[in-house]
Amino acid sequence: FVDIINKRLHTVDLAAGPSSLKTLEFDVPVTVTADVEGYN
């Protein structure tokens, strides 16, 4: 899920729980994501 104002993408492993939260930061707002055919 994203944080549009703070320009971040968060990812949590649901088996591992909240402590597994990882974050990417960007130079622009990232607002939505989608899977791409042919890519992991």
PDB file of all heavy atoms in Angstrom:
ATOM      1  N   PHE A   1       0.853  -1.177   0.000  1.00  0.00           N
ATOM      2  CA  PHE A   1       0.000   0.000   0.000  1.00  0.00           C
ATOM      3  C   PHE A   1       0.893   1.233   0.000  1.00  0.00           C
ATOM      4  O   PHE A   1       2.076   1.158   0.359  1.00  0.00           O
ATOM      5  CB  PHE A   1      -0.968   0.001   1.193  1.00  0.00           C
ATOM      6  CG  PHE A   1      -0.311  -0.091   2.543  1.00  0.00           C
ATOM      7  CD1 PHE A   1      -0.180   1.027   3.347  1.00  0.00           C
ATOM      8  CD2 PHE A   1       0.150  -1.310   3.026  1.00  0.00           C
ATOM      9  CE1 PHE A   1       0.422   0.948   4.601  1.00  0.00           C
ATOM     10  CE2 PHE A   1       0.747  -1.400   4.283  1.00  0.00           C
ATOM     11  CZ  PHE A   1       0.886  -0.268   5.067  1.00  0.00           C
ATOM     12  N   VAL A   2       0.354   2.358  -0.401  1.00  0.00           N
ATOM     13  CA  VAL A   2       1.161   3.565  -0.561  1.00  0.00           C
ATOM     14  C   VAL A   2       0.795   4.617   0.483  1.00  0.00           C
ATOM     15  O   VAL A   2      -0.263   4.561   1.104  1.00  0.00           O
ATOM     16  CB  VAL A   2       0.987   4.182  -1.975  1.00  0.00           C
ATOM     17  CG1 VAL A   2       1.446   3.200  -3.043  1.00  0.00           C
ATOM     18  CG2 VAL A   2      -0.460   4.605  -2.222  1.00  0.00           C
ATOM     19  N   ASP A   3       1.723   5.552   0.667  1.00  0.00           N
ATOM     20  CA  ASP A   3       1.461   6.788   1.407  1.00  0.00           C
ATOM     21  C   ASP A   3       1.736   7.902   0.408  1.00  0.00           C
ATOM     22  O   ASP A   3       2.895   8.238   0.125  1.00  0.00           O
ATOM     23  CB  ASP A   3       2.384   6.891   2.623  1.00  0.00           C
ATOM     24  CG  ASP A   3       2.103   8.138   3.467  1.00  0.00           C
ATOM     25  OD1 ASP A   3       1.462   9.081   2.959  1.00  0.00           O
ATOM     26  OD2 ASP A   3       2.543   8.172   4.633  1.00  0.00           O
ATOM     27  N   ILE A   4       0.670   8.442  -0.165  1.00  0.00           N
ATOM     28  CA  ILE A   4       0.816   9.381  -1.282  1.00  0.00           C
ATOM     29  C   ILE A   4       1.563  10.649  -0.864  1.00  0.00           C
ATOM     30  O   ILE A   4       2.480  11.102  -1.550  1.00  0.00           O
ATOM     31  CB  ILE A   4      -0.563   9.732  -1.873  1.00  0.00           C
ATOM     32  CG1 ILE A   4      -1.235   8.466  -2.447  1.00  0.00           C
ATOM     33  CG2 ILE A   4      -0.416  10.793  -2.975  1.00  0.00           C
ATOM     34  CD1 ILE A   4      -2.646   8.694  -2.964  1.00  0.00           C
ATOM     35  N   ILE A   5       1.192  11.220   0.260  1.00  0.00           N
ATOM     36  CA  ILE A   5       1.813  12.474   0.692  1.00  0.00           C
ATOM     37  C   ILE A   5       3.292  12.284   1.012  1.00  0.00           C
ATOM     38  O   ILE A   5       4.139  13.104   0.643  1.00  0.00           O
ATOM     39  CB  ILE A   5       1.054  13.066   1.898  1.00  0.00           C
ATOM     40  CG1 ILE A   5      -0.329  13.553   1.460  1.00  0.00           C
ATOM     41  CG2 ILE A   5       1.845  14.221   2.528  1.00  0.00           C
ATOM     42  CD1 ILE A   5      -1.200  14.081   2.588  1.00  0.00           C
ATOM     43  N   ASN A   6       3.630  11.201   1.691  1.00  0.00           N
ATOM     44  CA  ASN A   6       5.027  10.951   2.062  1.00  0.00           C
ATOM     45  C   ASN A   6       5.824  10.219   0.984  1.00  0.00           C
ATOM     46  O   ASN A   6       6.998   9.892   1.214  1.00  0.00           O
ATOM     47  CB  ASN A   6       5.086  10.179   3.382  1.00  0.00           C
ATOM     48  CG  ASN A   6       4.755  11.058   4.575  1.00  0.00           C
ATOM     49  OD1 ASN A   6       5.057  12.252   4.577  1.00  0.00           O
ATOM     50  ND2 ASN A   6       4.124  10.483   5.584  1.00  0.00           N
ATOM     51  N   LYS A   7       5.193   9.943  -0.162  1.00  0.00           N
ATOM     52  CA  LYS A   7       5.875   9.368  -1.340  1.00  0.00           C
ATOM     53  C   LYS A   7       6.530   8.027  -1.005  1.00  0.00           C
ATOM     54  O   LYS A   7       7.705   7.803  -1.279  1.00  0.00           O
ATOM     55  CB  LYS A   7       6.918  10.359  -1.888  1.00  0.00           C
ATOM     56  CG  LYS A   7       6.323  11.730  -2.212  1.00  0.00           C
ATOM     57  CD  LYS A   7       7.387  12.741  -2.581  1.00  0.00           C
ATOM     58  CE  LYS A   7       6.775  14.109  -2.810  1.00  0.00           C
ATOM     59  NZ  LYS A   7       7.799  15.148  -3.055  1.00  0.00           N
ATOM     60  N   ARG A   8       5.726   7.121  -0.421  1.00  0.00           N
ATOM     61  CA  ARG A   8       6.252   5.840   0.024  1.00  0.00           C
ATOM     62  C   ARG A   8       5.392   4.672  -0.466  1.00  0.00           C
ATOM     63  O   ARG A   8       4.173   4.820  -0.643  1.00  0.00           O
ATOM     64  CB  ARG A   8       6.311   5.795   1.552  1.00  0.00           C
ATOM     65  CG  ARG A   8       7.316   6.758   2.150  1.00  0.00           C
ATOM     66  CD  ARG A   8       7.169   6.828   3.660  1.00  0.00           C
ATOM     67  NE  ARG A   8       8.149   7.737   4.250  1.00  0.00           N
ATOM     68  CZ  ARG A   8       8.115   8.180   5.488  1.00  0.00           C
ATOM     69  NH1 ARG A   8       7.128   7.792   6.293  1.00  0.00           N
ATOM     70  NH2 ARG A   8       9.041   9.000   5.943  1.00  0.00           N
ATOM     71  N   LEU A   9       6.049   3.518  -0.628  1.00  0.00           N
ATOM     72  CA  LEU A   9       5.377   2.253  -0.884  1.00  0.00           C
ATOM     73  C   LEU A   9       5.735   1.309   0.258  1.00  0.00           C
ATOM     74  O   LEU A   9       6.916   1.014   0.479  1.00  0.00           O
ATOM     75  CB  LEU A   9       5.819   1.652  -2.221  1.00  0.00           C
ATOM     76  CG  LEU A   9       5.346   0.222  -2.514  1.00  0.00           C
ATOM     77  CD1 LEU A   9       3.820   0.155  -2.617  1.00  0.00           C
ATOM     78  CD2 LEU A   9       5.984  -0.309  -3.805  1.00  0.00           C
ATOM     79  N   HIS A  10       4.713   0.852   0.981  1.00  0.00           N
ATOM     80  CA  HIS A  10       4.911  -0.070   2.098  1.00  0.00           C
ATOM     81  C   HIS A  10       4.530  -1.487   1.674  1.00  0.00           C
ATOM     82  O   HIS A  10       3.577  -1.677   0.909  1.00  0.00           O
ATOM     83  CB  HIS A  10       4.035   0.319   3.296  1.00  0.00           C
ATOM     84  CG  HIS A  10       4.324   1.665   3.867  1.00  0.00           C
ATOM     85  ND1 HIS A  10       5.502   1.948   4.527  1.00  0.00           N
ATOM     86  CD2 HIS A  10       3.588   2.814   3.884  1.00  0.00           C
ATOM     87  CE1 HIS A  10       5.471   3.209   4.944  1.00  0.00           C
ATOM     88  NE2 HIS A  10       4.327   3.749   4.567  1.00  0.00           N
ATOM     89  N   THR A  11       5.231  -2.480   2.210  1.00  0.00           N
ATOM     90  CA  THR A  11       4.893  -3.883   1.978  1.00  0.00           C
ATOM     91  C   THR A  11       5.006  -4.641   3.287  1.00  0.00           C
ATOM     92  O   THR A  11       6.005  -4.493   4.009  1.00  0.00           O
ATOM     93  CB  THR A  11       5.844  -4.529   0.942  1.00  0.00           C
ATOM     94  OG1 THR A  11       5.810  -3.764  -0.270  1.00  0.00           O
ATOM     95  CG2 THR A  11       5.417  -5.959   0.638  1.00  0.00           C
ATOM     96  N   VAL A  12       3.968  -5.450   3.608  1.00  0.00           N
ATOM     97  CA  VAL A  12       4.003  -6.255   4.828  1.00  0.00           C
ATOM     98  C   VAL A  12       3.769  -7.716   4.476  1.00  0.00           C
ATOM     99  O   VAL A  12       2.888  -8.041   3.683  1.00  0.00           O
ATOM    100  CB  VAL A  12       2.971  -5.756   5.867  1.00  0.00           C
ATOM    101  CG1 VAL A  12       1.548  -5.798   5.318  1.00  0.00           C
ATOM    102  CG2 VAL A  12       3.081  -6.541   7.162  1.00  0.00           C
ATOM    103  N   ASP A  13       4.588  -8.592   5.046  1.00  0.00           N
ATOM    104  CA  ASP A  13       4.437 -10.037   4.912  1.00  0.00           C
ATOM    105  C   ASP A  13       3.369 -10.462   5.921  1.00  0.00           C
ATOM    106  O   ASP A  13       3.578 -10.350   7.134  1.00  0.00           O
ATOM    107  CB  ASP A  13       5.775 -10.724   5.200  1.00  0.00           C
ATOM    108  CG  ASP A  13       5.728 -12.224   5.029  1.00  0.00           C
ATOM    109  OD1 ASP A  13       4.687 -12.832   5.334  1.00  0.00           O
ATOM    110  OD2 ASP A  13       6.740 -12.808   4.602  1.00  0.00           O
ATOM    111  N   LEU A  14       2.229 -10.944   5.440  1.00  0.00           N
ATOM    112  CA  LEU A  14       1.111 -11.217   6.339  1.00  0.00           C
ATOM    113  C   LEU A  14       1.350 -12.429   7.232  1.00  0.00           C
ATOM    114  O   LEU A  14       0.740 -12.541   8.295  1.00  0.00           O
ATOM    115  CB  LEU A  14      -0.182 -11.372   5.531  1.00  0.00           C
ATOM    116  CG  LEU A  14      -0.597 -10.112   4.756  1.00  0.00           C
ATOM    117  CD1 LEU A  14      -1.860 -10.366   3.957  1.00  0.00           C
ATOM    118  CD2 LEU A  14      -0.787  -8.923   5.700  1.00  0.00           C
ATOM    119  N   ALA A  15       2.229 -13.323   6.804  1.00  0.00           N
ATOM    120  CA  ALA A  15       2.569 -14.464   7.660  1.00  0.00           C
ATOM    121  C   ALA A  15       3.498 -14.024   8.793  1.00  0.00           C
ATOM    122  O   ALA A  15       3.367 -14.477   9.933  1.00  0.00           O
ATOM    123  CB  ALA A  15       3.223 -15.564   6.840  1.00  0.00           C
ATOM    124  N   ALA A  16       4.422 -13.129   8.488  1.00  0.00           N
ATOM    125  CA  ALA A  16       5.391 -12.655   9.487  1.00  0.00           C
ATOM    126  C   ALA A  16       4.804 -11.592  10.410  1.00  0.00           C
ATOM    127  O   ALA A  16       5.250 -11.430  11.546  1.00  0.00           O
ATOM    128  CB  ALA A  16       6.641 -12.128   8.794  1.00  0.00           C
ATOM    129  N   GLY A  17       3.827 -10.831   9.916  1.00  0.00           N
ATOM    130  CA  GLY A  17       3.172  -9.835  10.751  1.00  0.00           C
ATOM    131  C   GLY A  17       3.722  -8.432  10.614  1.00  0.00           C
ATOM    132  O   GLY A  17       4.619  -8.161   9.790  1.00  0.00           O
ATOM    133  N   PRO A  18       3.199  -7.505  11.401  1.00  0.00           N
ATOM    134  CA  PRO A  18       3.534  -6.074  11.297  1.00  0.00           C
ATOM    135  C   PRO A  18       5.022  -5.747  11.350  1.00  0.00           C
ATOM    136  O   PRO A  18       5.468  -4.780  10.725  1.00  0.00           O
ATOM    137  CB  PRO A  18       2.789  -5.453  12.477  1.00  0.00           C
ATOM    138  CG  PRO A  18       1.632  -6.358  12.708  1.00  0.00           C
ATOM    139  CD  PRO A  18       2.145  -7.737  12.424  1.00  0.00           C
ATOM    140  N   SER A  19       5.802  -6.529  12.081  1.00  0.00           N
ATOM    141  CA  SER A  19       7.231  -6.237  12.209  1.00  0.00           C
ATOM    142  C   SER A  19       7.989  -6.416  10.900  1.00  0.00           C
ATOM    143  O   SER A  19       9.128  -5.969  10.764  1.00  0.00           O
ATOM    144  CB  SER A  19       7.862  -7.117  13.288  1.00  0.00           C
ATOM    145  OG  SER A  19       7.786  -8.485  12.923  1.00  0.00           O
ATOM    146  N   SER A  20       7.356  -7.055   9.914  1.00  0.00           N
ATOM    147  CA  SER A  20       8.017  -7.302   8.627  1.00  0.00           C
ATOM    148  C   SER A  20       7.860  -6.135   7.654  1.00  0.00           C
ATOM    149  O   SER A  20       8.341  -6.205   6.517  1.00  0.00           O
ATOM    150  CB  SER A  20       7.443  -8.566   7.978  1.00  0.00           C
ATOM    151  OG  SER A  20       6.083  -8.358   7.586  1.00  0.00           O
ATOM    152  N   LEU A  21       7.208  -5.065   8.066  1.00  0.00           N
ATOM    153  CA  LEU A  21       6.941  -3.932   7.185  1.00  0.00           C
ATOM    154  C   LEU A  21       8.217  -3.381   6.552  1.00  0.00           C
ATOM    155  O   LEU A  21       9.195  -3.093   7.250  1.00  0.00           O
ATOM    156  CB  LEU A  21       6.238  -2.813   7.959  1.00  0.00           C
ATOM    157  CG  LEU A  21       5.718  -1.642   7.112  1.00  0.00           C
ATOM    158  CD1 LEU A  21       4.471  -2.047   6.339  1.00  0.00           C
ATOM    159  CD2 LEU A  21       5.405  -0.437   8.006  1.00  0.00           C
ATOM    160  N   LYS A  22       8.208  -3.250   5.218  1.00  0.00           N
ATOM    161  CA  LYS A  22       9.335  -2.664   4.483  1.00  0.00           C
ATOM    162  C   LYS A  22       8.831  -1.483   3.668  1.00  0.00           C
ATOM    163  O   LYS A  22       7.684  -1.469   3.224  1.00  0.00           O
ATOM    164  CB  LYS A  22       9.975  -3.714   3.568  1.00  0.00           C
ATOM    165  CG  LYS A  22      10.607  -4.877   4.321  1.00  0.00           C
ATOM    166  CD  LYS A  22      11.226  -5.883   3.366  1.00  0.00           C
ATOM    167  CE  LYS A  22      11.856  -7.040   4.136  1.00  0.00           C
ATOM    168  NZ  LYS A  22      12.431  -8.062   3.213  1.00  0.00           N
ATOM    169  N   THR A  23       9.712  -0.518   3.451  1.00  0.00           N
ATOM    170  CA  THR A  23       9.288   0.728   2.814  1.00  0.00           C
ATOM    171  C   THR A  23      10.265   1.174   1.737  1.00  0.00           C
ATOM    172  O   THR A  23      11.482   1.140   1.941  1.00  0.00           O
ATOM    173  CB  THR A  23       9.157   1.847   3.872  1.00  0.00           C
ATOM    174  OG1 THR A  23       8.232   1.436   4.878  1.00  0.00           O
ATOM    175  CG2 THR A  23       8.690   3.141   3.242  1.00  0.00           C
ATOM    176  N   LEU A  24       9.714   1.587   0.585  1.00  0.00           N
ATOM    177  CA  LEU A  24      10.486   2.261  -0.458  1.00  0.00           C
ATOM    178  C   LEU A  24      10.068   3.728  -0.479  1.00  0.00           C
ATOM    179  O   LEU A  24       8.883   4.039  -0.337  1.00  0.00           O
ATOM    180  CB  LEU A  24      10.220   1.639  -1.831  1.00  0.00           C
ATOM    181  CG  LEU A  24      10.816   0.260  -2.118  1.00  0.00           C
ATOM    182  CD1 LEU A  24      10.361  -0.226  -3.495  1.00  0.00           C
ATOM    183  CD2 LEU A  24      12.341   0.305  -2.055  1.00  0.00           C
ATOM    184  N   GLU A  25      11.025   4.634  -0.672  1.00  0.00           N
ATOM    185  CA  GLU A  25      10.726   6.061  -0.746  1.00  0.00           C
ATOM    186  C   GLU A  25      11.056   6.584  -2.139  1.00  0.00           C
ATOM    187  O   GLU A  25      12.013   6.137  -2.769  1.00  0.00           O
ATOM    188  CB  GLU A  25      11.507   6.825   0.322  1.00  0.00           C
ATOM    189  CG  GLU A  25      11.135   6.395   1.737  1.00  0.00           C
ATOM    190  CD  GLU A  25      11.580   7.396   2.793  1.00  0.00           C
ATOM    191  OE1 GLU A  25      11.931   8.534   2.423  1.00  0.00           O
ATOM    192  OE2 GLU A  25      11.561   7.035   3.973  1.00  0.00           O
ATOM    193  N   PHE A  26      10.263   7.560  -2.599  1.00  0.00           N
ATOM    194  CA  PHE A  26      10.394   8.073  -3.957  1.00  0.00           C
ATOM    195  C   PHE A  26      10.534   9.598  -3.971  1.00  0.00           C
ATOM    196  O   PHE A  26      10.327  10.260  -2.955  1.00  0.00           O
ATOM    197  CB  PHE A  26       9.167   7.662  -4.782  1.00  0.00           C
ATOM    198  CG  PHE A  26       8.937   6.175  -4.816  1.00  0.00           C
ATOM    199  CD1 PHE A  26       8.053   5.581  -3.931  1.00  0.00           C
ATOM    200  CD2 PHE A  26       9.614   5.370  -5.711  1.00  0.00           C
ATOM    201  CE1 PHE A  26       7.847   4.206  -3.941  1.00  0.00           C
ATOM    202  CE2 PHE A  26       9.421   3.999  -5.737  1.00  0.00           C
ATOM    203  CZ  PHE A  26       8.534   3.418  -4.841  1.00  0.00           C
ATOM    204  N   ASP A  27      10.835  10.114  -5.146  1.00  0.00           N
ATOM    205  CA  ASP A  27      10.965  11.562  -5.315  1.00  0.00           C
ATOM    206  C   ASP A  27       9.659  12.204  -5.786  1.00  0.00           C
ATOM    207  O   ASP A  27       9.563  13.420  -5.894  1.00  0.00           O
ATOM    208  CB  ASP A  27      12.087  11.874  -6.319  1.00  0.00           C
ATOM    209  CG  ASP A  27      11.823  11.289  -7.699  1.00  0.00           C
ATOM    210  OD1 ASP A  27      11.062  10.296  -7.801  1.00  0.00           O
ATOM    211  OD2 ASP A  27      12.398  11.803  -8.686  1.00  0.00           O
ATOM    212  N   VAL A  28       8.662  11.376  -6.083  1.00  0.00           N
ATOM    213  CA  VAL A  28       7.356  11.857  -6.539  1.00  0.00           C
ATOM    214  C   VAL A  28       6.270  11.042  -5.829  1.00  0.00           C
ATOM    215  O   VAL A  28       6.543   9.952  -5.315  1.00  0.00           O
ATOM    216  CB  VAL A  28       7.180  11.709  -8.071  1.00  0.00           C
ATOM    217  CG1 VAL A  28       8.153  12.597  -8.827  1.00  0.00           C
ATOM    218  CG2 VAL A  28       7.323  10.248  -8.492  1.00  0.00           C
ATOM    219  N   PRO A  29       5.031  11.556  -5.806  1.00  0.00           N
ATOM    220  CA  PRO A  29       3.955  10.757  -5.212  1.00  0.00           C
ATOM    221  C   PRO A  29       3.712   9.489  -6.037  1.00  0.00           C
ATOM    222  O   PRO A  29       3.620   9.546  -7.268  1.00  0.00           O
ATOM    223  CB  PRO A  29       2.738  11.687  -5.295  1.00  0.00           C
ATOM    224  CG  PRO A  29       3.293  13.053  -5.492  1.00  0.00           C
ATOM    225  CD  PRO A  29       4.565  12.879  -6.244  1.00  0.00           C
ATOM    226  N   VAL A  30       3.637   8.347  -5.377  1.00  0.00           N
ATOM    227  CA  VAL A  30       3.216   7.091  -5.995  1.00  0.00           C
ATOM    228  C   VAL A  30       1.850   6.771  -5.415  1.00  0.00           C
ATOM    229  O   VAL A  30       1.680   6.701  -4.198  1.00  0.00           O
ATOM    230  CB  VAL A  30       4.224   5.958  -5.715  1.00  0.00           C
ATOM    231  CG1 VAL A  30       3.679   4.612  -6.167  1.00  0.00           C
ATOM    232  CG2 VAL A  30       5.535   6.255  -6.427  1.00  0.00           C
ATOM    233  N   THR A  31       0.850   6.605  -6.281  1.00  0.00           N
ATOM    234  CA  THR A  31      -0.539   6.607  -5.831  1.00  0.00           C
ATOM    235  C   THR A  31      -1.253   5.272  -5.937  1.00  0.00           C
ATOM    236  O   THR A  31      -2.248   5.053  -5.253  1.00  0.00           O
ATOM    237  CB  THR A  31      -1.331   7.643  -6.640  1.00  0.00           C
ATOM    238  OG1 THR A  31      -1.326   7.246  -8.029  1.00  0.00           O
ATOM    239  CG2 THR A  31      -0.709   9.028  -6.516  1.00  0.00           C
ATOM    240  N   VAL A  32      -0.772   4.394  -6.815  1.00  0.00           N
ATOM    241  CA  VAL A  32      -1.442   3.120  -7.045  1.00  0.00           C
ATOM    242  C   VAL A  32      -0.433   2.172  -7.676  1.00  0.00           C
ATOM    243  O   VAL A  32       0.549   2.615  -8.298  1.00  0.00           O
ATOM    244  CB  VAL A  32      -2.683   3.309  -7.954  1.00  0.00           C
ATOM    245  CG1 VAL A  32      -2.286   3.737  -9.363  1.00  0.00           C
ATOM    246  CG2 VAL A  32      -3.552   2.060  -7.998  1.00  0.00           C
ATOM    247  N   THR A  33      -0.632   0.865  -7.499  1.00  0.00           N
ATOM    248  CA  THR A  33       0.267  -0.129  -8.084  1.00  0.00           C
ATOM    249  C   THR A  33      -0.550  -1.213  -8.779  1.00  0.00           C
ATOM    250  O   THR A  33      -1.735  -1.411  -8.483  1.00  0.00           O
ATOM    251  CB  THR A  33       1.152  -0.795  -7.012  1.00  0.00           C
ATOM    252  OG1 THR A  33       0.317  -1.572  -6.125  1.00  0.00           O
ATOM    253  CG2 THR A  33       1.924   0.231  -6.207  1.00  0.00           C
ATOM    254  N   ALA A  34       0.104  -1.937  -9.682  1.00  0.00           N
ATOM    255  CA  ALA A  34      -0.553  -3.051 -10.361  1.00  0.00           C
ATOM    256  C   ALA A  34       0.485  -4.085 -10.771  1.00  0.00           C
ATOM    257  O   ALA A  34       1.645  -3.743 -11.045  1.00  0.00           O
ATOM    258  CB  ALA A  34      -1.311  -2.568 -11.596  1.00  0.00           C
ATOM    259  N   ASP A  35       0.075  -5.345 -10.807  1.00  0.00           N
ATOM    260  CA  ASP A  35       0.942  -6.399 -11.319  1.00  0.00           C
ATOM    261  C   ASP A  35       1.019  -6.293 -12.841  1.00  0.00           C
ATOM    262  O   ASP A  35       0.080  -5.818 -13.492  1.00  0.00           O
ATOM    263  CB  ASP A  35       0.390  -7.773 -10.938  1.00  0.00           C
ATOM    264  CG  ASP A  35       0.473  -8.044  -9.440  1.00  0.00           C
ATOM    265  OD1 ASP A  35       1.040  -7.211  -8.712  1.00  0.00           O
ATOM    266  OD2 ASP A  35      -0.043  -9.089  -9.017  1.00  0.00           O
ATOM    267  N   VAL A  36       2.127  -6.751 -13.385  1.00  0.00           N
ATOM    268  CA  VAL A  36       2.367  -6.685 -14.836  1.00  0.00           C
ATOM    269  C   VAL A  36       2.519  -8.095 -15.382  1.00  0.00           C
ATOM    270  O   VAL A  36       3.265  -8.909 -14.832  1.00  0.00           O
ATOM    271  CB  VAL A  36       3.632  -5.861 -15.138  1.00  0.00           C
ATOM    272  CG1 VAL A  36       3.862  -5.783 -16.650  1.00  0.00           C
ATOM    273  CG2 VAL A  36       3.519  -4.463 -14.546  1.00  0.00           C
ATOM    274  N   GLU A  37       1.813  -8.373 -16.460  1.00  0.00           N
ATOM    275  CA  GLU A  37       1.895  -9.692 -17.085  1.00  0.00           C
ATOM    276  C   GLU A  37       3.327  -9.994 -17.522  1.00  0.00           C
ATOM    277  O   GLU A  37       3.976  -9.170 -18.168  1.00  0.00           O
ATOM    278  CB  GLU A  37       0.958  -9.745 -18.297  1.00  0.00           C
ATOM    279  CG  GLU A  37       0.777 -11.132 -18.886  1.00  0.00           C
ATOM    280  CD  GLU A  37      -0.292 -11.161 -19.949  1.00  0.00           C
ATOM    281  OE1 GLU A  37      -1.475 -11.335 -19.596  1.00  0.00           O
ATOM    282  OE2 GLU A  37       0.039 -10.989 -21.141  1.00  0.00           O
ATOM    283  N   GLY A  38       3.834 -11.159 -17.142  1.00  0.00           N
ATOM    284  CA  GLY A  38       5.181 -11.562 -17.520  1.00  0.00           C
ATOM    285  C   GLY A  38       6.245 -11.197 -16.516  1.00  0.00           C
ATOM    286  O   GLY A  38       7.411 -11.550 -16.697  1.00  0.00           O
ATOM    287  N   TYR A  39       5.864 -10.493 -15.441  1.00  0.00           N
ATOM    288  CA  TYR A  39       6.841 -10.096 -14.418  1.00  0.00           C
ATOM    289  C   TYR A  39       6.439 -10.644 -13.054  1.00  0.00           C
ATOM    290  O   TYR A  39       5.253 -10.726 -12.720  1.00  0.00           O
ATOM    291  CB  TYR A  39       6.935  -8.570 -14.311  1.00  0.00           C
ATOM    292  CG  TYR A  39       7.671  -7.912 -15.447  1.00  0.00           C
ATOM    293  CD1 TYR A  39       6.984  -7.373 -16.525  1.00  0.00           C
ATOM    294  CD2 TYR A  39       9.064  -7.819 -15.443  1.00  0.00           C
ATOM    295  CE1 TYR A  39       7.654  -6.751 -17.572  1.00  0.00           C
ATOM    296  CE2 TYR A  39       9.739  -7.199 -16.479  1.00  0.00           C
ATOM    297  CZ  TYR A  39       9.036  -6.679 -17.545  1.00  0.00           C
ATOM    298  OH  TYR A  39       9.698  -6.069 -18.576  1.00  0.00           O
ATOM    299  N   ASN A  40       7.424 -10.982 -12.239  1.00  0.00           N
ATOM    300  CA  ASN A  40       7.201 -11.342 -10.852  1.00  0.00           C
ATOM    301  C   ASN A  40       6.902 -10.054 -10.088  1.00  0.00           C
ATOM    302  O   ASN A  40       7.737  -9.141 -10.063  1.00  0.00           O
ATOM    303  CB  ASN A  40       8.462 -12.010 -10.286  1.00  0.00           C
ATOM    304  CG  ASN A  40       8.312 -12.430  -8.843  1.00  0.00           C
ATOM    305  OD1 ASN A  40       7.425 -11.967  -8.123  1.00  0.00           O
ATOM    306  ND2 ASN A  40       9.195 -13.314  -8.393  1.00  0.00           N
TER     307      ASN A  40
END
